[in-house]
Amino acid sequence: QVQEILRVRQPFSEFVQQFEKSFMTRKYTELGEAFYAAIDDLGIRVAPFVVEKLIGLWNKNMLFAKPFEDIAELGKLKQKYKIGLISNTDPFSLTPVLEKHDLTKYFDAIVLSCDVGVLKTDPKMYEFVLQQLGVSKEECVMVGDSMQTDIEGAKNAGIRAILMDRKDRREYEEKVTSLKQLAERAGTRIRSIR
């Protein structure tokens, strides 16, 4: 939606990498400042009402964000494993959602791109979370829903990756369709389940 509102004409994969690097790897004092920085980095000009529209969209998405129904499965996993959360995010969105839905209790470490200055595609992101969890790469599994940022990012860091494909639409050797399935199969070599 942001790309469409900004009318940026480039492949989405290029746009999202550039946007996230600008928007999600720095500390900003307000959301408008973050959007203006990303817009500057994209080399475009927009009217102030466009930035206001983006802020409204971002706040609406944050306001209506809610966890998936199977989120309690993380509690089962946490009884056996350390769980870390890594996220490409701005300084304003994720923390309030985690607090609103009491989700921080599921994580032993939370590493956010806006705090550490790197995205999930950078192996440094994984170094931060591994250090906080006190585990090695070989003991770690990344579970994520984005092939580009989660799966490829983990592979670049030398970490096993499992695709969370809730709609079961993508081909990948190791994938699950729910946290319940992940909890049931934890500790095994997870393969595609249909």
C-alpha atoms as a PDB file:
ATOM      1  CA  GLN A   1       0.000   0.000   0.000  1.00  0.00           C
ATOM      2  CA  VAL A   2       2.842   2.393   0.805  1.00  0.00           C
ATOM      3  CA  GLN A   3       4.418   1.824  -2.606  1.00  0.00           C
ATOM      4  CA  GLU A   4       1.074   2.471  -4.286  1.00  0.00           C
ATOM      5  CA  ILE A   5       0.393   5.645  -2.282  1.00  0.00           C
ATOM      6  CA  LEU A   6       3.881   6.968  -3.029  1.00  0.00           C
ATOM      7  CA  ARG A   7       3.509   5.984  -6.712  1.00  0.00           C
ATOM      8  CA  VAL A   8       6.981   4.480  -6.792  1.00  0.00           C
ATOM      9  CA  ARG A   9       7.548   2.676 -10.085  1.00  0.00           C
ATOM     10  CA  GLN A  10      10.026  -0.088  -9.351  1.00  0.00           C
ATOM     11  CA  PRO A  11       9.771  -3.806  -8.601  1.00  0.00           C
ATOM     12  CA  PHE A  12       8.265  -4.401  -5.176  1.00  0.00           C
ATOM     13  CA  SER A  13      11.280  -6.394  -3.956  1.00  0.00           C
ATOM     14  CA  GLU A  14      13.566  -3.419  -4.658  1.00  0.00           C
ATOM     15  CA  PHE A  15      11.122  -0.926  -3.174  1.00  0.00           C
ATOM     16  CA  VAL A  16      10.574  -2.847   0.051  1.00  0.00           C
ATOM     17  CA  GLN A  17      14.308  -3.334   0.651  1.00  0.00           C
ATOM     18  CA  GLN A  18      15.007   0.354   0.219  1.00  0.00           C
ATOM     19  CA  PHE A  19      11.939   1.448   2.193  1.00  0.00           C
ATOM     20  CA  GLU A  20      12.641  -0.896   5.119  1.00  0.00           C
ATOM     21  CA  LYS A  21      16.291   0.112   5.269  1.00  0.00           C
ATOM     22  CA  SER A  22      15.299   3.769   5.589  1.00  0.00           C
ATOM     23  CA  PHE A  23      12.176   3.341   7.688  1.00  0.00           C
ATOM     24  CA  MET A  24      13.085   0.449   9.972  1.00  0.00           C
ATOM     25  CA  THR A  25      16.780   0.713  10.841  1.00  0.00           C
ATOM     26  CA  ARG A  26      16.820   4.090  12.564  1.00  0.00           C
ATOM     27  CA  LYS A  27      15.362   5.610  15.695  1.00  0.00           C
ATOM     28  CA  TYR A  28      12.855   8.338  14.933  1.00  0.00           C
ATOM     29  CA  THR A  29      10.927  10.543  17.330  1.00  0.00           C
ATOM     30  CA  GLU A  30       7.691  10.421  15.335  1.00  0.00           C
ATOM     31  CA  LEU A  31       6.133   8.498  12.487  1.00  0.00           C
ATOM     32  CA  GLY A  32       6.076  11.471  10.123  1.00  0.00           C
ATOM     33  CA  GLU A  33       9.828  11.902  10.532  1.00  0.00           C
ATOM     34  CA  ALA A  34      10.308   8.244   9.558  1.00  0.00           C
ATOM     35  CA  PHE A  35       8.157   8.588   6.444  1.00  0.00           C
ATOM     36  CA  TYR A  36       9.910  11.784   5.341  1.00  0.00           C
ATOM     37  CA  ALA A  37      13.317  10.101   5.781  1.00  0.00           C
ATOM     38  CA  ALA A  38      12.209   7.109   3.686  1.00  0.00           C
ATOM     39  CA  ILE A  39      10.747   9.409   1.036  1.00  0.00           C
ATOM     40  CA  ASP A  40      14.007  11.377   0.884  1.00  0.00           C
ATOM     41  CA  ASP A  41      16.011   8.156   0.557  1.00  0.00           C
ATOM     42  CA  LEU A  42      13.713   7.027  -2.269  1.00  0.00           C
ATOM     43  CA  GLY A  43      14.506  10.307  -4.039  1.00  0.00           C
ATOM     44  CA  ILE A  44      10.900  11.352  -4.504  1.00  0.00           C
ATOM     45  CA  ARG A  45       8.818  14.337  -3.483  1.00  0.00           C
ATOM     46  CA  VAL A  46       5.304  14.181  -2.108  1.00  0.00           C
ATOM     47  CA  ALA A  47       2.782  16.641  -0.724  1.00  0.00           C
ATOM     48  CA  PRO A  48       2.279  16.739   3.062  1.00  0.00           C
ATOM     49  CA  PHE A  49      -1.217  15.241   2.723  1.00  0.00           C
ATOM     50  CA  VAL A  50       0.398  12.081   1.291  1.00  0.00           C
ATOM     51  CA  VAL A  51       2.511  11.674   4.421  1.00  0.00           C
ATOM     52  CA  GLU A  52      -0.600  12.228   6.558  1.00  0.00           C
ATOM     53  CA  LYS A  53      -2.357   9.491   4.585  1.00  0.00           C
ATOM     54  CA  LEU A  54       0.588   7.133   5.198  1.00  0.00           C
ATOM     55  CA  ILE A  55       0.574   7.917   8.915  1.00  0.00           C
ATOM     56  CA  GLY A  56      -3.156   7.189   9.082  1.00  0.00           C
ATOM     57  CA  LEU A  57      -2.709   3.908   7.229  1.00  0.00           C
ATOM     58  CA  TRP A  58       0.177   2.863   9.488  1.00  0.00           C
ATOM     59  CA  ASN A  59      -1.729   3.732  12.677  1.00  0.00           C
ATOM     60  CA  LYS A  60      -4.839   1.926  11.436  1.00  0.00           C
ATOM     61  CA  ASN A  61      -2.848  -1.224  10.725  1.00  0.00           C
ATOM     62  CA  MET A  62      -1.265  -1.042  14.181  1.00  0.00           C
ATOM     63  CA  LEU A  63      -4.622  -0.429  15.852  1.00  0.00           C
ATOM     64  CA  PHE A  64      -6.288  -3.425  14.194  1.00  0.00           C
ATOM     65  CA  ALA A  65      -3.325  -5.820  14.414  1.00  0.00           C
ATOM     66  CA  LYS A  66      -4.114  -8.959  16.354  1.00  0.00           C
ATOM     67  CA  PRO A  67      -2.375 -12.281  16.933  1.00  0.00           C
ATOM     68  CA  PHE A  68      -3.299 -15.461  15.127  1.00  0.00           C
ATOM     69  CA  GLU A  69      -5.663 -17.764  17.026  1.00  0.00           C
ATOM     70  CA  ASP A  70      -2.938 -20.343  17.660  1.00  0.00           C
ATOM     71  CA  ILE A  71      -0.593 -17.911  19.454  1.00  0.00           C
ATOM     72  CA  ALA A  72      -0.910 -19.855  22.732  1.00  0.00           C
ATOM     73  CA  GLU A  73       1.090 -22.653  21.076  1.00  0.00           C
ATOM     74  CA  LEU A  74       4.149 -20.478  21.683  1.00  0.00           C
ATOM     75  CA  GLY A  75       3.598 -21.142  25.387  1.00  0.00           C
ATOM     76  CA  LYS A  76       4.021 -24.881  24.769  1.00  0.00           C
ATOM     77  CA  LEU A  77       7.158 -24.267  22.739  1.00  0.00           C
ATOM     78  CA  LYS A  78       8.558 -21.938  25.404  1.00  0.00           C
ATOM     79  CA  GLN A  79       8.340 -24.729  27.986  1.00  0.00           C
ATOM     80  CA  LYS A  80      10.962 -26.651  25.963  1.00  0.00           C
ATOM     81  CA  TYR A  81      12.875 -24.006  24.006  1.00  0.00           C
ATOM     82  CA  LYS A  82      14.146 -20.465  24.167  1.00  0.00           C
ATOM     83  CA  ILE A  83      12.190 -18.263  21.786  1.00  0.00           C
ATOM     84  CA  GLY A  84      13.414 -15.068  20.215  1.00  0.00           C
ATOM     85  CA  LEU A  85      11.520 -12.574  18.122  1.00  0.00           C
ATOM     86  CA  ILE A  86      13.298 -10.652  15.389  1.00  0.00           C
ATOM     87  CA  SER A  87      11.419  -8.100  13.352  1.00  0.00           C
ATOM     88  CA  ASN A  88      11.919  -5.489  10.692  1.00  0.00           C
ATOM     89  CA  THR A  89       9.933  -2.695  12.312  1.00  0.00           C
ATOM     90  CA  ASP A  90       9.837   0.993  13.006  1.00  0.00           C
ATOM     91  CA  PRO A  91      10.142   2.341  16.573  1.00  0.00           C
ATOM     92  CA  PHE A  92       6.379   2.917  16.891  1.00  0.00           C
ATOM     93  CA  SER A  93       4.409  -0.121  15.747  1.00  0.00           C
ATOM     94  CA  LEU A  94       5.415  -3.491  17.109  1.00  0.00           C
ATOM     95  CA  THR A  95       6.056  -2.801  20.790  1.00  0.00           C
ATOM     96  CA  PRO A  96       2.538  -1.406  21.441  1.00  0.00           C
ATOM     97  CA  VAL A  97       0.982  -4.419  19.671  1.00  0.00           C
ATOM     98  CA  LEU A  98       3.097  -6.853  21.718  1.00  0.00           C
ATOM     99  CA  GLU A  99       2.095  -5.086  24.931  1.00  0.00           C
ATOM    100  CA  LYS A 100      -1.587  -4.706  23.999  1.00  0.00           C
ATOM    101  CA  HIS A 101      -1.945  -8.452  23.416  1.00  0.00           C
ATOM    102  CA  ASP A 102       0.435  -9.532  26.220  1.00  0.00           C
ATOM    103  CA  LEU A 103       2.775 -11.256  23.762  1.00  0.00           C
ATOM    104  CA  THR A 104       6.146 -10.374  25.283  1.00  0.00           C
ATOM    105  CA  LYS A 105       5.702 -13.249  27.746  1.00  0.00           C
ATOM    106  CA  TYR A 106       6.378 -15.701  24.913  1.00  0.00           C
ATOM    107  CA  PHE A 107       9.841 -14.372  24.086  1.00  0.00           C
ATOM    108  CA  ASP A 108      13.174 -14.731  25.834  1.00  0.00           C
ATOM    109  CA  ALA A 109      14.694 -12.128  23.503  1.00  0.00           C
ATOM    110  CA  ILE A 110      13.245  -9.456  21.241  1.00  0.00           C
ATOM    111  CA  VAL A 111      15.499  -7.881  18.612  1.00  0.00           C
ATOM    112  CA  LEU A 112      14.046  -5.099  16.485  1.00  0.00           C
ATOM    113  CA  SER A 113      15.651  -3.649  13.377  1.00  0.00           C
ATOM    114  CA  CYS A 114      15.030  -0.089  14.563  1.00  0.00           C
ATOM    115  CA  ASP A 115      17.037  -0.807  17.730  1.00  0.00           C
ATOM    116  CA  VAL A 116      20.001  -2.603  16.159  1.00  0.00           C
ATOM    117  CA  GLY A 117      20.221  -0.764  12.831  1.00  0.00           C
ATOM    118  CA  VAL A 118      20.068  -3.823  10.563  1.00  0.00           C
ATOM    119  CA  LEU A 119      17.336  -5.808   8.823  1.00  0.00           C
ATOM    120  CA  LYS A 120      16.632  -9.549   8.977  1.00  0.00           C
ATOM    121  CA  THR A 121      18.493 -10.026   5.704  1.00  0.00           C
ATOM    122  CA  ASP A 122      21.725  -9.098   7.532  1.00  0.00           C
ATOM    123  CA  PRO A 123      23.431 -11.939   9.456  1.00  0.00           C
ATOM    124  CA  LYS A 124      24.174  -9.436  12.251  1.00  0.00           C
ATOM    125  CA  MET A 125      20.487  -9.516  13.206  1.00  0.00           C
ATOM    126  CA  TYR A 126      20.845 -13.211  13.981  1.00  0.00           C
ATOM    127  CA  GLU A 127      24.081 -12.643  15.894  1.00  0.00           C
ATOM    128  CA  PHE A 128      22.216 -10.261  18.209  1.00  0.00           C
ATOM    129  CA  VAL A 129      19.422 -12.718  18.956  1.00  0.00           C
ATOM    130  CA  LEU A 130      21.748 -15.728  19.281  1.00  0.00           C
ATOM    131  CA  GLN A 131      23.829 -13.815  21.804  1.00  0.00           C
ATOM    132  CA  GLN A 132      20.768 -12.798  23.814  1.00  0.00           C
ATOM    133  CA  LEU A 133      19.419 -16.353  23.799  1.00  0.00           C
ATOM    134  CA  GLY A 134      22.806 -17.925  24.514  1.00  0.00           C
ATOM    135  CA  VAL A 135      22.512 -20.459  21.688  1.00  0.00           C
ATOM    136  CA  SER A 136      24.560 -21.357  18.628  1.00  0.00           C
ATOM    137  CA  LYS A 137      23.486 -21.263  14.976  1.00  0.00           C
ATOM    138  CA  GLU A 138      23.274 -25.041  14.978  1.00  0.00           C
ATOM    139  CA  GLU A 139      20.790 -24.949  17.864  1.00  0.00           C
ATOM    140  CA  CYS A 140      18.611 -22.314  16.244  1.00  0.00           C
ATOM    141  CA  VAL A 141      15.680 -22.493  13.831  1.00  0.00           C
ATOM    142  CA  MET A 142      14.136 -19.465  12.157  1.00  0.00           C
ATOM    143  CA  VAL A 143      10.401 -19.690  11.558  1.00  0.00           C
ATOM    144  CA  GLY A 144       9.012 -16.972   9.338  1.00  0.00           C
ATOM    145  CA  ASP A 145       6.466 -16.215   6.655  1.00  0.00           C
ATOM    146  CA  SER A 146       8.610 -14.251   4.202  1.00  0.00           C
ATOM    147  CA  MET A 147      10.802 -16.116   1.751  1.00  0.00           C
ATOM    148  CA  GLN A 148      12.843 -12.989   1.040  1.00  0.00           C
ATOM    149  CA  THR A 149      13.499 -11.680   4.523  1.00  0.00           C
ATOM    150  CA  ASP A 150      12.961 -14.626   6.877  1.00  0.00           C
ATOM    151  CA  ILE A 151      14.000 -17.701   4.947  1.00  0.00           C
ATOM    152  CA  GLU A 152      16.789 -16.189   2.834  1.00  0.00           C
ATOM    153  CA  GLY A 153      17.955 -14.061   5.765  1.00  0.00           C
ATOM    154  CA  ALA A 154      18.306 -17.137   7.981  1.00  0.00           C
ATOM    155  CA  LYS A 155      20.091 -19.072   5.255  1.00  0.00           C
ATOM    156  CA  ASN A 156      22.518 -16.172   4.770  1.00  0.00           C
ATOM    157  CA  ALA A 157      23.262 -16.382   8.478  1.00  0.00           C
ATOM    158  CA  GLY A 158      23.796 -20.157   8.350  1.00  0.00           C
ATOM    159  CA  ILE A 159      20.610 -20.927  10.277  1.00  0.00           C
ATOM    160  CA  ARG A 160      17.978 -23.542   9.476  1.00  0.00           C
ATOM    161  CA  ALA A 161      14.747 -21.968   8.240  1.00  0.00           C
ATOM    162  CA  ILE A 162      11.148 -23.147   8.359  1.00  0.00           C
ATOM    163  CA  LEU A 163       8.490 -21.406   6.323  1.00  0.00           C
ATOM    164  CA  MET A 164       5.235 -20.493   8.074  1.00  0.00           C
ATOM    165  CA  ASP A 165       2.797 -20.859   5.170  1.00  0.00           C
ATOM    166  CA  ARG A 166      -0.613 -20.466   6.794  1.00  0.00           C
ATOM    167  CA  LYS A 167      -2.467 -20.657   3.460  1.00  0.00           C
ATOM    168  CA  ASP A 168      -0.328 -23.564   2.197  1.00  0.00           C
ATOM    169  CA  ARG A 169       0.323 -21.889  -1.155  1.00  0.00           C
ATOM    170  CA  ARG A 170       4.109 -21.935  -1.473  1.00  0.00           C
ATOM    171  CA  GLU A 171       6.574 -24.667  -2.187  1.00  0.00           C
ATOM    172  CA  TYR A 172       9.384 -25.047   0.309  1.00  0.00           C
ATOM    173  CA  GLU A 173      11.033 -28.145   1.684  1.00  0.00           C
ATOM    174  CA  GLU A 174      10.552 -27.329   5.356  1.00  0.00           C
ATOM    175  CA  LYS A 175       7.281 -25.660   6.160  1.00  0.00           C
ATOM    176  CA  VAL A 176       4.367 -25.654   8.562  1.00  0.00           C
ATOM    177  CA  THR A 177       0.917 -24.123   8.274  1.00  0.00           C
ATOM    178  CA  SER A 178       0.320 -23.252  11.934  1.00  0.00           C
ATOM    179  CA  LEU A 179       2.017 -22.790  15.282  1.00  0.00           C
ATOM    180  CA  LYS A 180       0.133 -25.864  16.487  1.00  0.00           C
ATOM    181  CA  GLN A 181       1.809 -27.896  13.764  1.00  0.00           C
ATOM    182  CA  LEU A 182       5.158 -26.393  14.704  1.00  0.00           C
ATOM    183  CA  ALA A 183       4.640 -27.273  18.384  1.00  0.00           C
ATOM    184  CA  GLU A 184       3.620 -30.836  17.492  1.00  0.00           C
ATOM    185  CA  ARG A 185       6.686 -31.333  15.316  1.00  0.00           C
ATOM    186  CA  ALA A 186       9.222 -29.412  17.418  1.00  0.00           C
ATOM    187  CA  GLY A 187      12.534 -31.162  17.694  1.00  0.00           C
ATOM    188  CA  THR A 188      12.090 -33.184  14.516  1.00  0.00           C
ATOM    189  CA  ARG A 189      13.338 -32.463  11.041  1.00  0.00           C
ATOM    190  CA  ILE A 190      10.217 -30.686   9.862  1.00  0.00           C
ATOM    191  CA  ARG A 191       9.319 -31.334   6.250  1.00  0.00           C
ATOM    192  CA  SER A 192       6.447 -30.077   4.189  1.00  0.00           C
ATOM    193  CA  ILE A 193       3.148 -31.158   5.665  1.00  0.00           C
ATOM    194  CA  ARG A 194       0.001 -31.189   3.550  1.00  0.00           C
END
